Amino acid sequence: MDRPNEAFSLLIMGAIAPTSDAKSYSVQSLALYRALNDDAGVSQALINLGFLYRVTNPDQAQIVLEEALALARVRGDAITIARALNSLANLAANVYGDFSSALTKLEESLKIQRQLSELGYSDTLFELGQLALWAGNYESARAYFEETRIMNEREGQGQSLFWSLAFLGHIEVHAGNIEQARSKLMSILDRFVRVDDRDGAGFSLEGLASLAVVLHKFDKAVSLFAWVDQVRAEMNNPRPILEQKNVDRYIATIHEHLDEDAFNTAYSVGHSMTMAEAIKLASEV
């Protein structure tokens, strides 16, 4: 195999292989692209590594992503600039809690992609929707997620569509639209369960737990949050910073109404529930 094709093959393997192998493939790809003086390939390999480092070594992720962005800017490679900005924004928001920086990067990325009439910028809209939601800008969040939903449907992105609908359900909770929130979240919960997506089911149940707080059904809310905590622990999938802050606000409200014994009892109940029991409890919210 000639070296450019070898570098490209390693790049693809770095993007699709299990995490344990992906880093090795991406490092090899990066080394080959550097030897070939192929800055476009170098940027792609760096973005792969940024994704792989984001949890285990976020500072290194920041370094490689900044290099990828700088190289793309020199080349005027708009699509790679947008990809690097998205990755840096995700790191800023979900690892460092720098939401202002994340917003700036995402807005630049979206502007680039709109100017290019790129179809695949639903991920950027999705990230902007999350930032707007957790910041309390519900109308902006609704607009971003509605556009994301439409794009997901047009492009046949089934799983992404489910997540857009789940966030739209969360928005209804925050906006105080009780019936719409209950209907949307129960509907998308059923769809996540049908495809055996425990992460999505948990997020939907978390929305229903939030709704239970709004409705002062505090015992149910605690049990549902506890079930989601248990599932996330089993999956080694902690909440992103913004999502955790939102949950913490609801938990603080619950503590204002339940004493410690009542809270712990409800939490213990939720911790030991099956998914079927959690869904049944959510249907009673």
Protein backbone atom coordinates (compact mmCIF):
# COMPACT_ATOMS: atom_id res chain seq x y z
CA MET A 1 0.00 0.00 0.00
CA ASP A 2 1.37 3.48 -0.86
CA ARG A 3 1.89 5.84 2.07
CA PRO A 4 -0.97 8.30 1.40
CA ASN A 5 -3.46 5.43 1.22
CA GLU A 6 -1.93 3.85 4.32
CA ALA A 7 -2.29 7.14 6.21
CA PHE A 8 -5.90 7.46 5.09
CA SER A 9 -6.72 3.88 6.08
CA LEU A 10 -5.24 4.45 9.53
CA LEU A 11 -7.23 7.69 9.81
CA ILE A 12 -10.49 5.84 9.08
CA MET A 13 -9.60 3.07 11.53
CA GLY A 14 -8.89 5.72 14.15
CA ALA A 15 -12.41 7.06 13.65
CA ILE A 16 -14.31 3.76 13.74
CA ALA A 17 -12.25 1.35 15.87
CA PRO A 18 -12.97 0.71 19.56
CA THR A 19 -11.41 3.36 21.77
CA SER A 20 -8.69 0.98 22.99
CA ASP A 21 -7.35 0.67 19.41
CA ALA A 22 -8.41 3.99 17.92
CA LYS A 23 -5.71 6.04 19.61
CA SER A 24 -2.94 3.85 18.18
CA TYR A 25 -4.38 4.09 14.65
CA SER A 26 -4.79 7.87 14.94
CA VAL A 27 -1.24 8.38 16.25
CA GLN A 28 0.15 6.29 13.36
CA SER A 29 -1.96 8.21 10.87
CA LEU A 30 -0.77 11.53 12.29
CA ALA A 31 2.88 10.46 12.04
CA LEU A 32 2.47 9.43 8.41
CA TYR A 33 0.65 12.62 7.43
CA ARG A 34 3.38 14.71 9.09
CA ALA A 35 6.04 12.77 7.18
CA LEU A 36 4.10 13.43 3.96
CA ASN A 37 3.76 17.15 4.81
CA ASP A 38 0.01 16.71 4.29
CA ASP A 39 -1.48 19.37 6.56
CA ALA A 40 -5.05 18.45 5.60
CA GLY A 41 -4.46 14.89 6.80
CA VAL A 42 -2.63 16.14 9.88
CA SER A 43 -5.66 18.24 10.82
CA GLN A 44 -8.04 15.30 10.45
CA ALA A 45 -5.83 13.02 12.54
CA LEU A 46 -5.52 15.71 15.22
CA ILE A 47 -9.31 16.08 15.39
CA ASN A 48 -9.59 12.29 15.82
CA LEU A 49 -7.11 12.45 18.69
CA GLY A 50 -8.90 15.41 20.23
CA PHE A 51 -12.06 13.31 20.43
CA LEU A 52 -10.17 10.37 21.95
CA TYR A 53 -8.31 12.50 24.52
CA ARG A 54 -11.33 14.58 25.62
CA VAL A 55 -12.11 12.47 28.71
CA THR A 56 -8.78 10.93 29.69
CA ASN A 57 -6.51 13.90 28.88
CA PRO A 58 -8.52 17.05 28.12
CA ASP A 59 -5.49 19.34 28.22
CA GLN A 60 -3.86 17.29 25.47
CA ALA A 61 -7.15 17.32 23.57
CA GLN A 62 -7.10 21.12 23.73
CA ILE A 63 -3.54 21.21 22.36
CA VAL A 64 -4.18 18.92 19.38
CA LEU A 65 -7.48 20.58 18.50
CA GLU A 66 -5.95 24.06 18.61
CA GLU A 67 -3.22 22.83 16.23
CA ALA A 68 -5.84 21.34 13.90
CA LEU A 69 -7.74 24.64 13.88
CA ALA A 70 -4.60 26.69 13.22
CA LEU A 71 -3.57 24.48 10.28
CA ALA A 72 -7.08 24.63 8.82
CA ARG A 73 -7.15 28.43 9.07
CA VAL A 74 -3.83 28.68 7.23
CA ARG A 75 -5.20 26.52 4.42
CA GLY A 76 -8.58 28.24 4.40
CA ASP A 77 -10.24 24.84 4.85
CA ALA A 78 -13.66 25.99 6.03
CA ILE A 79 -15.15 22.57 6.77
CA THR A 80 -12.18 21.49 8.88
CA ILE A 81 -12.25 24.87 10.66
CA ALA A 82 -15.89 24.19 11.56
CA ARG A 83 -15.13 20.64 12.75
CA ALA A 84 -12.27 21.83 14.95
CA LEU A 85 -14.39 24.65 16.38
CA ASN A 86 -17.16 22.18 17.23
CA SER A 87 -14.72 19.87 18.99
CA LEU A 88 -13.16 22.74 20.93
CA ALA A 89 -16.61 24.03 21.89
CA ASN A 90 -17.62 20.61 23.21
CA LEU A 91 -14.43 20.47 25.27
CA ALA A 92 -14.93 24.02 26.58
CA ALA A 93 -18.52 23.40 27.68
CA ASN A 94 -18.44 19.82 28.92
CA VAL A 95 -14.97 19.60 30.44
CA TYR A 96 -13.89 23.11 31.41
CA GLY A 97 -17.29 24.70 31.94
CA ASP A 98 -16.30 27.66 29.74
CA PHE A 99 -19.70 28.26 28.20
CA SER A 100 -18.88 31.68 26.76
CA SER A 101 -15.98 30.24 24.78
CA ALA A 102 -18.13 27.30 23.64
CA LEU A 103 -20.87 29.64 22.42
CA THR A 104 -18.42 31.83 20.48
CA LYS A 105 -16.88 28.81 18.74
CA LEU A 106 -20.21 27.23 17.87
CA GLU A 107 -21.60 30.46 16.46
CA GLU A 108 -18.53 30.85 14.23
CA SER A 109 -18.85 27.23 13.11
CA LEU A 110 -22.55 27.60 12.30
CA LYS A 111 -21.91 30.80 10.33
CA ILE A 112 -19.27 29.03 8.24
CA GLN A 113 -21.50 26.05 7.53
CA ARG A 114 -24.54 28.16 6.63
CA GLN A 115 -22.43 30.18 4.21
CA LEU A 116 -21.27 26.96 2.56
CA SER A 117 -24.86 25.65 2.46
CA GLU A 118 -23.59 22.50 4.13
CA LEU A 119 -26.34 20.03 4.96
CA GLY A 120 -24.62 18.30 7.85
CA TYR A 121 -24.53 20.99 10.51
CA SER A 122 -27.24 19.52 12.71
CA ASP A 123 -24.58 18.67 15.33
CA THR A 124 -23.69 22.35 15.62
CA LEU A 125 -27.34 23.34 16.00
CA PHE A 126 -27.76 20.58 18.57
CA GLU A 127 -24.85 21.85 20.69
CA LEU A 128 -26.14 25.43 20.47
CA GLY A 129 -29.56 24.21 21.55
CA GLN A 130 -28.08 22.56 24.63
CA LEU A 131 -26.18 25.71 25.61
CA ALA A 132 -29.32 27.80 25.19
CA LEU A 133 -31.48 25.35 27.16
CA TRP A 134 -29.22 25.06 30.17
CA ALA A 135 -28.67 28.84 30.16
CA GLY A 136 -32.43 29.35 30.38
CA ASN A 137 -32.87 30.79 26.87
CA TYR A 138 -35.82 28.55 26.07
CA GLU A 139 -37.05 30.22 22.89
CA SER A 140 -33.57 30.12 21.36
CA ALA A 141 -33.21 26.50 22.46
CA ARG A 142 -36.56 25.61 20.91
CA ALA A 143 -35.57 27.26 17.61
CA TYR A 144 -32.23 25.43 17.47
CA PHE A 145 -33.76 22.03 18.28
CA GLU A 146 -36.66 22.49 15.89
CA GLU A 147 -34.22 23.24 13.07
CA THR A 148 -32.15 20.24 14.17
CA ARG A 149 -35.27 18.04 14.16
CA ILE A 150 -36.19 19.11 10.65
CA MET A 151 -32.65 18.45 9.44
CA ASN A 152 -32.56 15.05 11.17
CA GLU A 153 -35.81 14.06 9.46
CA ARG A 154 -34.64 15.27 6.06
CA GLU A 155 -31.33 13.41 6.33
CA GLY A 156 -32.82 10.23 7.82
CA GLN A 157 -30.88 10.51 11.07
CA GLY A 158 -33.17 8.40 13.25
CA GLN A 159 -31.18 8.30 16.48
CA SER A 160 -30.26 11.98 16.28
CA LEU A 161 -33.94 12.75 15.68
CA PHE A 162 -34.84 10.94 18.91
CA TRP A 163 -32.40 13.10 20.86
CA SER A 164 -33.72 16.31 19.30
CA LEU A 165 -37.25 15.30 20.33
CA ALA A 166 -36.04 14.46 23.85
CA PHE A 167 -34.52 17.90 24.26
CA LEU A 168 -37.70 19.50 22.95
CA GLY A 169 -39.50 17.64 25.72
CA HIS A 170 -37.08 19.02 28.30
CA ILE A 171 -37.69 22.53 26.96
CA GLU A 172 -41.42 22.13 27.59
CA VAL A 173 -40.67 21.24 31.22
CA HIS A 174 -38.56 24.36 31.70
CA ALA A 175 -41.11 26.52 29.91
CA GLY A 176 -43.87 25.23 32.21
CA ASN A 177 -45.89 23.57 29.45
CA ILE A 178 -46.97 20.60 31.54
CA GLU A 179 -49.12 18.60 29.14
CA GLN A 180 -46.78 19.09 26.18
CA ALA A 181 -43.81 18.09 28.32
CA ARG A 182 -45.49 14.93 29.61
CA SER A 183 -46.70 13.90 26.15
CA LYS A 184 -43.39 14.53 24.36
CA LEU A 185 -41.22 12.89 27.00
CA MET A 186 -43.39 9.77 27.37
CA SER A 187 -43.53 9.41 23.59
CA ILE A 188 -39.78 9.67 23.09
CA LEU A 189 -39.14 7.44 26.12
CA ASP A 190 -41.13 4.71 24.37
CA ARG A 191 -39.09 5.17 21.19
CA PHE A 192 -35.78 4.96 23.06
CA VAL A 193 -36.92 1.81 24.88
CA ARG A 194 -37.95 0.18 21.59
CA VAL A 195 -34.40 0.59 20.23
CA ASP A 196 -32.82 -0.42 23.56
CA ASP A 197 -31.12 2.96 24.08
CA ARG A 198 -30.68 3.12 27.87
CA ASP A 199 -28.86 6.46 27.68
CA GLY A 200 -31.75 8.04 25.79
CA ALA A 201 -34.32 6.37 28.05
CA GLY A 202 -32.48 7.75 31.05
CA PHE A 203 -32.45 11.26 29.63
CA SER A 204 -36.17 11.07 28.94
CA LEU A 205 -36.86 9.81 32.46
CA GLU A 206 -34.69 12.63 33.80
CA GLY A 207 -36.98 15.07 32.00
CA LEU A 208 -39.99 13.40 33.62
CA ALA A 209 -38.26 13.58 37.00
CA SER A 210 -37.84 17.31 36.43
CA LEU A 211 -41.51 17.54 35.56
CA ALA A 212 -42.33 15.74 38.82
CA VAL A 213 -40.46 18.48 40.71
CA VAL A 214 -42.47 21.16 38.91
CA LEU A 215 -45.64 19.31 39.93
CA HIS A 216 -44.40 18.91 43.55
CA LYS A 217 -44.33 15.11 43.24
CA PHE A 218 -41.01 15.07 45.04
CA ASP A 219 -40.84 11.38 46.04
CA LYS A 220 -41.36 10.31 42.43
CA ALA A 221 -38.79 12.84 41.23
CA VAL A 222 -36.13 11.53 43.63
CA SER A 223 -36.76 7.91 42.65
CA LEU A 224 -36.53 8.71 38.94
CA PHE A 225 -33.33 10.71 39.35
CA ALA A 226 -31.91 7.82 41.40
CA TRP A 227 -32.71 5.31 38.66
CA VAL A 228 -30.95 7.48 36.08
CA ASP A 229 -27.94 7.86 38.42
CA GLN A 230 -27.74 4.08 38.73
CA VAL A 231 -27.91 3.52 34.97
CA ARG A 232 -25.29 6.17 34.30
CA ALA A 233 -22.98 4.56 36.88
CA GLU A 234 -23.43 1.15 35.24
CA MET A 235 -22.62 2.67 31.84
CA ASN A 236 -19.72 4.75 33.20
CA ASN A 237 -21.47 7.70 31.59
CA PRO A 238 -21.49 10.73 33.92
CA ARG A 239 -23.71 13.68 33.06
CA PRO A 240 -22.11 16.54 31.11
CA ILE A 241 -21.42 19.58 33.28
CA LEU A 242 -24.39 21.63 32.07
CA GLU A 243 -26.82 18.76 32.48
CA GLN A 244 -25.53 18.01 35.98
CA LYS A 245 -25.95 21.64 37.02
CA ASN A 246 -29.56 21.47 35.87
CA VAL A 247 -30.19 18.28 37.87
CA ASP A 248 -28.49 19.82 40.91
CA ARG A 249 -30.94 22.73 40.81
CA TYR A 250 -33.88 20.33 40.88
CA ILE A 251 -32.31 18.30 43.69
CA ALA A 252 -31.83 21.49 45.70
CA THR A 253 -35.53 22.29 45.26
CA ILE A 254 -36.45 18.79 46.42
CA HIS A 255 -34.33 19.17 49.57
CA GLU A 256 -36.36 22.28 50.42
CA HIS A 257 -39.49 20.07 50.64
CA LEU A 258 -38.28 16.64 51.79
CA ASP A 259 -36.35 15.86 54.94
CA GLU A 260 -33.24 13.69 54.73
CA ASP A 261 -35.00 10.45 55.68
CA ALA A 262 -37.75 10.91 53.09
CA PHE A 263 -35.18 11.79 50.42
CA ASN A 264 -32.99 8.78 51.21
CA THR A 265 -35.97 6.41 51.24
CA ALA A 266 -37.17 7.61 47.84
CA TYR A 267 -33.63 7.48 46.46
CA SER A 268 -33.19 3.90 47.68
CA VAL A 269 -36.45 2.90 46.00
CA GLY A 270 -35.35 4.41 42.68
CA HIS A 271 -31.87 2.92 42.92
CA SER A 272 -33.29 -0.60 43.02
CA MET A 273 -36.03 -0.19 40.37
CA THR A 274 -36.05 -2.04 37.07
CA MET A 275 -36.51 -0.05 33.87
CA ALA A 276 -40.10 -1.26 33.65
CA GLU A 277 -40.75 -0.01 37.17
CA ALA A 278 -39.13 3.34 36.37
CA ILE A 279 -41.29 3.74 33.27
CA LYS A 280 -44.43 2.88 35.26
CA LEU A 281 -43.49 5.45 37.90
CA ALA A 282 -42.85 8.07 35.21
CA SER A 283 -46.29 7.43 33.73
CA GLU A 284 -47.77 8.50 37.07
CA VAL A 285 -46.11 11.93 36.98
